[in-house]
Amino acid sequence: MPSEVENQDELTELEYEDVDMGSLNHSLAQTQIVGQLLNDERFTTIVELNLDVGETDLKQFGLDVKRELKPDICLYPKGKLQPDWTCDVLKMQEMPLLVIEVLSPRQGIEEILAKIRAYFALGIKSCWMTIPANESITVYSKPREFISFSMKDTEVVDEVLDIRLPFKKIFNL
């Protein structure tokens, strides 16, 4: 019986995550960023991947998530992941180099900031927060060190991973 309750808790968490996503602007921003990152042959870009947080207590970051976090976009070094198409992985234990969160209409910035603090605690090197409503991307190199980019900028620059994306190709369709 306990395993059924755990499964129901997992389902509830996943359903909540899915309800929070799915707006047009959220999806377009996510797609445009992925499209730009796919051009960089140093990395493998993955969307909506469940990251196993193991025994890390996420409540210390103000998150009410038990076993996993699901960023909108993850970036791994090329060749690091060797998928076995006959046996899928439901939760990645290997943390990505970069996670990108896209603020959805039902999310608050504080929730994303809490996730960013958790991602750094899990060993992720860089985090981005994308806000479609004001066409901005904030690149975090540490939980309290960041640079924000907007339409006045020509590029989004992540100095930690040496990534440069043309800003206008993300928000100008």
C-alpha atoms as a PDB file:
ATOM      1  CA  MET A   1       0.000   0.000   0.000  1.00  0.00           C
ATOM      2  CA  PRO A   2       2.753   2.556   0.713  1.00  0.00           C
ATOM      3  CA  SER A   3       4.052   2.241  -2.855  1.00  0.00           C
ATOM      4  CA  GLU A   4       0.613   3.193  -4.181  1.00  0.00           C
ATOM      5  CA  VAL A   5       0.628   6.323  -2.026  1.00  0.00           C
ATOM      6  CA  GLU A   6       4.135   7.197  -3.242  1.00  0.00           C
ATOM      7  CA  ASN A   7       3.003   6.745  -6.836  1.00  0.00           C
ATOM      8  CA  GLN A   8      -0.011   8.992  -6.202  1.00  0.00           C
ATOM      9  CA  ASP A   9       2.305  11.643  -4.711  1.00  0.00           C
ATOM     10  CA  GLU A  10       4.565  11.409  -7.756  1.00  0.00           C
ATOM     11  CA  LEU A  11       1.589  11.681 -10.092  1.00  0.00           C
ATOM     12  CA  THR A  12       0.293  14.716  -8.227  1.00  0.00           C
ATOM     13  CA  GLU A  13       3.716  16.403  -8.493  1.00  0.00           C
ATOM     14  CA  LEU A  14       3.914  15.647 -12.204  1.00  0.00           C
ATOM     15  CA  GLU A  15       0.368  16.811 -12.836  1.00  0.00           C
ATOM     16  CA  TYR A  16       1.099  20.076 -10.998  1.00  0.00           C
ATOM     17  CA  GLU A  17       4.229  20.625 -13.073  1.00  0.00           C
ATOM     18  CA  ASP A  18       2.316  19.992 -16.313  1.00  0.00           C
ATOM     19  CA  VAL A  19      -0.555  22.323 -15.357  1.00  0.00           C
ATOM     20  CA  ASP A  20       2.008  25.059 -14.724  1.00  0.00           C
ATOM     21  CA  MET A  21       3.402  24.842 -18.256  1.00  0.00           C
ATOM     22  CA  GLY A  22       2.038  25.016 -21.731  1.00  0.00           C
ATOM     23  CA  SER A  23       1.320  28.653 -22.577  1.00  0.00           C
ATOM     24  CA  LEU A  24       2.103  29.917 -26.064  1.00  0.00           C
ATOM     25  CA  ASN A  25       4.824  32.350 -24.925  1.00  0.00           C
ATOM     26  CA  HIS A  26       6.412  29.786 -22.603  1.00  0.00           C
ATOM     27  CA  SER A  27       6.518  27.155 -25.351  1.00  0.00           C
ATOM     28  CA  LEU A  28       7.811  29.556 -27.999  1.00  0.00           C
ATOM     29  CA  ALA A  29      10.593  30.888 -25.776  1.00  0.00           C
ATOM     30  CA  GLN A  30      11.590  27.333 -24.856  1.00  0.00           C
ATOM     31  CA  THR A  31      11.590  26.235 -28.507  1.00  0.00           C
ATOM     32  CA  GLN A  32      13.561  29.264 -29.715  1.00  0.00           C
ATOM     33  CA  ILE A  33      16.254  28.789 -27.052  1.00  0.00           C
ATOM     34  CA  VAL A  34      16.534  25.081 -27.843  1.00  0.00           C
ATOM     35  CA  GLY A  35      16.793  25.906 -31.551  1.00  0.00           C
ATOM     36  CA  GLN A  36      19.731  28.200 -30.893  1.00  0.00           C
ATOM     37  CA  LEU A  37      21.466  25.748 -28.540  1.00  0.00           C
ATOM     38  CA  LEU A  38      21.167  22.882 -31.032  1.00  0.00           C
ATOM     39  CA  ASN A  39      23.666  24.745 -33.231  1.00  0.00           C
ATOM     40  CA  ASP A  40      26.396  24.327 -30.605  1.00  0.00           C
ATOM     41  CA  GLU A  41      28.095  20.990 -31.255  1.00  0.00           C
ATOM     42  CA  ARG A  42      29.756  20.963 -27.817  1.00  0.00           C
ATOM     43  CA  PHE A  43      26.464  20.176 -26.100  1.00  0.00           C
ATOM     44  CA  THR A  44      23.413  17.919 -26.103  1.00  0.00           C
ATOM     45  CA  THR A  45      20.209  19.863 -25.448  1.00  0.00           C
ATOM     46  CA  ILE A  46      17.299  18.135 -23.708  1.00  0.00           C
ATOM     47  CA  VAL A  47      13.858  19.459 -22.721  1.00  0.00           C
ATOM     48  CA  GLU A  48      11.661  18.542 -19.742  1.00  0.00           C
ATOM     49  CA  LEU A  49      14.121  16.037 -18.242  1.00  0.00           C
ATOM     50  CA  ASN A  50      13.498  14.827 -14.679  1.00  0.00           C
ATOM     51  CA  LEU A  51      16.582  15.302 -12.504  1.00  0.00           C
ATOM     52  CA  ASP A  52      16.929  12.983  -9.522  1.00  0.00           C
ATOM     53  CA  VAL A  53      17.666  15.104  -6.461  1.00  0.00           C
ATOM     54  CA  GLY A  54      18.472  12.000  -4.421  1.00  0.00           C
ATOM     55  CA  GLU A  55      18.537  12.626  -0.718  1.00  0.00           C
ATOM     56  CA  THR A  56      18.794  16.412  -1.038  1.00  0.00           C
ATOM     57  CA  ASP A  57      16.166  18.128   1.104  1.00  0.00           C
ATOM     58  CA  LEU A  58      14.656  20.695  -1.252  1.00  0.00           C
ATOM     59  CA  LYS A  59      12.575  22.266   1.523  1.00  0.00           C
ATOM     60  CA  GLN A  60      15.709  24.201   2.524  1.00  0.00           C
ATOM     61  CA  PHE A  61      15.262  26.094  -0.753  1.00  0.00           C
ATOM     62  CA  GLY A  62      11.545  26.648  -0.237  1.00  0.00           C
ATOM     63  CA  LEU A  63      10.551  23.946  -2.723  1.00  0.00           C
ATOM     64  CA  ASP A  64       7.785  21.451  -2.052  1.00  0.00           C
ATOM     65  CA  VAL A  65       9.189  18.783  -4.351  1.00  0.00           C
ATOM     66  CA  LYS A  66      10.210  15.389  -3.053  1.00  0.00           C
ATOM     67  CA  ARG A  67      12.313  13.429  -5.513  1.00  0.00           C
ATOM     68  CA  GLU A  68      12.990  15.360  -8.683  1.00  0.00           C
ATOM     69  CA  LEU A  69      13.197  18.684 -10.447  1.00  0.00           C
ATOM     70  CA  LYS A  70      12.226  19.143 -14.087  1.00  0.00           C
ATOM     71  CA  PRO A  71      13.895  22.124 -15.765  1.00  0.00           C
ATOM     72  CA  ASP A  72      12.531  23.358 -19.071  1.00  0.00           C
ATOM     73  CA  ILE A  73      15.909  22.862 -20.777  1.00  0.00           C
ATOM     74  CA  CYS A  74      19.087  20.970 -19.791  1.00  0.00           C
ATOM     75  CA  LEU A  75      22.479  21.085 -21.441  1.00  0.00           C
ATOM     76  CA  TYR A  76      24.959  18.207 -21.186  1.00  0.00           C
ATOM     77  CA  PRO A  77      28.422  17.876 -22.716  1.00  0.00           C
ATOM     78  CA  LYS A  78      28.227  16.183 -26.114  1.00  0.00           C
ATOM     79  CA  GLY A  79      28.898  12.456 -25.772  1.00  0.00           C
ATOM     80  CA  LYS A  80      28.202  12.378 -22.028  1.00  0.00           C
ATOM     81  CA  LEU A  81      24.803  10.757 -22.476  1.00  0.00           C
ATOM     82  CA  GLN A  82      24.588   7.362 -24.130  1.00  0.00           C
ATOM     83  CA  PRO A  83      20.883   6.573 -24.474  1.00  0.00           C
ATOM     84  CA  ASP A  84      19.721   2.973 -24.627  1.00  0.00           C
ATOM     85  CA  TRP A  85      16.557   3.242 -26.701  1.00  0.00           C
ATOM     86  CA  THR A  86      15.363  -0.139 -25.343  1.00  0.00           C
ATOM     87  CA  CYS A  87      15.623   0.915 -21.668  1.00  0.00           C
ATOM     88  CA  ASP A  88      14.638   4.477 -20.794  1.00  0.00           C
ATOM     89  CA  VAL A  89      15.785   6.562 -17.815  1.00  0.00           C
ATOM     90  CA  LEU A  90      12.961   8.184 -15.858  1.00  0.00           C
ATOM     91  CA  LYS A  91      15.153  10.339 -13.599  1.00  0.00           C
ATOM     92  CA  MET A  92      18.663  11.475 -14.469  1.00  0.00           C
ATOM     93  CA  GLN A  93      21.187  11.140 -11.697  1.00  0.00           C
ATOM     94  CA  GLU A  94      23.891  12.888 -13.719  1.00  0.00           C
ATOM     95  CA  MET A  95      23.375  16.643 -13.411  1.00  0.00           C
ATOM     96  CA  PRO A  96      23.586  18.834 -16.521  1.00  0.00           C
ATOM     97  CA  LEU A  97      26.036  21.694 -16.962  1.00  0.00           C
ATOM     98  CA  LEU A  98      23.227  24.204 -17.522  1.00  0.00           C
ATOM     99  CA  VAL A  99      19.535  24.388 -16.731  1.00  0.00           C
ATOM    100  CA  ILE A 100      17.169  26.930 -18.203  1.00  0.00           C
ATOM    101  CA  GLU A 101      13.846  27.786 -16.623  1.00  0.00           C
ATOM    102  CA  VAL A 102      11.191  29.669 -18.581  1.00  0.00           C
ATOM    103  CA  LEU A 103       8.750  31.543 -16.363  1.00  0.00           C
ATOM    104  CA  SER A 104       5.193  30.461 -17.091  1.00  0.00           C
ATOM    105  CA  PRO A 105       2.130  32.654 -16.462  1.00  0.00           C
ATOM    106  CA  ARG A 106       1.260  30.685 -13.314  1.00  0.00           C
ATOM    107  CA  GLN A 107       4.726  30.747 -11.774  1.00  0.00           C
ATOM    108  CA  GLY A 108       6.289  33.354  -9.585  1.00  0.00           C
ATOM    109  CA  ILE A 109       9.863  34.539  -9.866  1.00  0.00           C
ATOM    110  CA  GLU A 110      10.506  33.387  -6.289  1.00  0.00           C
ATOM    111  CA  GLU A 111       9.750  29.794  -7.303  1.00  0.00           C
ATOM    112  CA  ILE A 112      12.305  29.972 -10.122  1.00  0.00           C
ATOM    113  CA  LEU A 113      14.882  31.578  -7.814  1.00  0.00           C
ATOM    114  CA  ALA A 114      14.357  28.768  -5.302  1.00  0.00           C
ATOM    115  CA  LYS A 115      14.947  26.224  -8.074  1.00  0.00           C
ATOM    116  CA  ILE A 116      18.111  28.061  -9.127  1.00  0.00           C
ATOM    117  CA  ARG A 117      19.480  27.865  -5.568  1.00  0.00           C
ATOM    118  CA  ALA A 118      18.687  24.124  -5.552  1.00  0.00           C
ATOM    119  CA  TYR A 119      20.328  23.580  -8.963  1.00  0.00           C
ATOM    120  CA  PHE A 120      23.569  25.169  -7.775  1.00  0.00           C
ATOM    121  CA  ALA A 121      23.496  23.057  -4.605  1.00  0.00           C
ATOM    122  CA  LEU A 122      23.177  19.989  -6.861  1.00  0.00           C
ATOM    123  CA  GLY A 123      26.367  20.972  -8.697  1.00  0.00           C
ATOM    124  CA  ILE A 124      24.935  22.552 -11.843  1.00  0.00           C
ATOM    125  CA  LYS A 125      27.393  25.123 -13.232  1.00  0.00           C
ATOM    126  CA  SER A 126      25.050  27.707 -14.757  1.00  0.00           C
ATOM    127  CA  CYS A 127      21.331  28.569 -14.627  1.00  0.00           C
ATOM    128  CA  TRP A 128      19.200  30.820 -16.793  1.00  0.00           C
ATOM    129  CA  MET A 129      15.837  32.362 -15.984  1.00  0.00           C
ATOM    130  CA  THR A 130      13.852  33.385 -19.045  1.00  0.00           C
ATOM    131  CA  ILE A 131      10.914  35.756 -18.625  1.00  0.00           C
ATOM    132  CA  PRO A 132       8.852  35.915 -21.828  1.00  0.00           C
ATOM    133  CA  ALA A 133       6.576  38.715 -20.542  1.00  0.00           C
ATOM    134  CA  ASN A 134       9.427  41.239 -20.502  1.00  0.00           C
ATOM    135  CA  GLU A 135      11.609  39.499 -23.078  1.00  0.00           C
ATOM    136  CA  SER A 136      14.544  38.986 -20.743  1.00  0.00           C
ATOM    137  CA  ILE A 137      17.023  36.267 -19.855  1.00  0.00           C
ATOM    138  CA  THR A 138      19.048  36.336 -16.649  1.00  0.00           C
ATOM    139  CA  VAL A 139      22.184  34.197 -16.593  1.00  0.00           C
ATOM    140  CA  TYR A 140      23.291  33.042 -13.135  1.00  0.00           C
ATOM    141  CA  SER A 141      26.891  31.979 -12.555  1.00  0.00           C
ATOM    142  CA  LYS A 142      26.182  31.560  -8.823  1.00  0.00           C
ATOM    143  CA  PRO A 143      22.983  31.944  -6.808  1.00  0.00           C
ATOM    144  CA  ARG A 144      23.643  35.661  -6.216  1.00  0.00           C
ATOM    145  CA  GLU A 145      25.767  36.475  -9.251  1.00  0.00           C
ATOM    146  CA  PHE A 146      23.925  37.159 -12.478  1.00  0.00           C
ATOM    147  CA  ILE A 147      23.711  39.268 -15.614  1.00  0.00           C
ATOM    148  CA  SER A 148      20.397  40.168 -17.241  1.00  0.00           C
ATOM    149  CA  PHE A 149      19.904  40.507 -20.971  1.00  0.00           C
ATOM    150  CA  SER A 150      17.045  42.173 -22.843  1.00  0.00           C
ATOM    151  CA  MET A 151      16.155  43.426 -26.326  1.00  0.00           C
ATOM    152  CA  LYS A 152      18.794  46.179 -26.005  1.00  0.00           C
ATOM    153  CA  ASP A 153      21.465  43.449 -26.015  1.00  0.00           C
ATOM    154  CA  THR A 154      22.670  41.698 -29.151  1.00  0.00           C
ATOM    155  CA  GLU A 155      23.596  38.447 -27.393  1.00  0.00           C
ATOM    156  CA  VAL A 156      22.879  36.355 -24.339  1.00  0.00           C
ATOM    157  CA  VAL A 157      26.295  35.516 -22.919  1.00  0.00           C
ATOM    158  CA  ASP A 158      27.040  32.711 -20.485  1.00  0.00           C
ATOM    159  CA  GLU A 159      30.672  33.212 -19.515  1.00  0.00           C
ATOM    160  CA  VAL A 160      30.779  30.032 -17.396  1.00  0.00           C
ATOM    161  CA  LEU A 161      30.043  27.787 -20.389  1.00  0.00           C
ATOM    162  CA  ASP A 162      31.228  30.181 -23.116  1.00  0.00           C
ATOM    163  CA  ILE A 163      27.806  30.285 -24.783  1.00  0.00           C
ATOM    164  CA  ARG A 164      26.671  33.199 -26.929  1.00  0.00           C
ATOM    165  CA  LEU A 165      23.168  33.247 -28.411  1.00  0.00           C
ATOM    166  CA  PRO A 166      21.762  36.017 -30.633  1.00  0.00           C
ATOM    167  CA  PHE A 167      19.103  37.603 -28.444  1.00  0.00           C
ATOM    168  CA  LYS A 168      16.793  38.663 -31.252  1.00  0.00           C
ATOM    169  CA  LYS A 169      16.536  35.073 -32.553  1.00  0.00           C
ATOM    170  CA  ILE A 170      14.917  34.097 -29.271  1.00  0.00           C
ATOM    171  CA  PHE A 171      12.188  36.742 -28.979  1.00  0.00           C
ATOM    172  CA  ASN A 172      11.858  38.141 -32.515  1.00  0.00           C
ATOM    173  CA  LEU A 173       9.989  35.607 -34.603  1.00  0.00           C
END
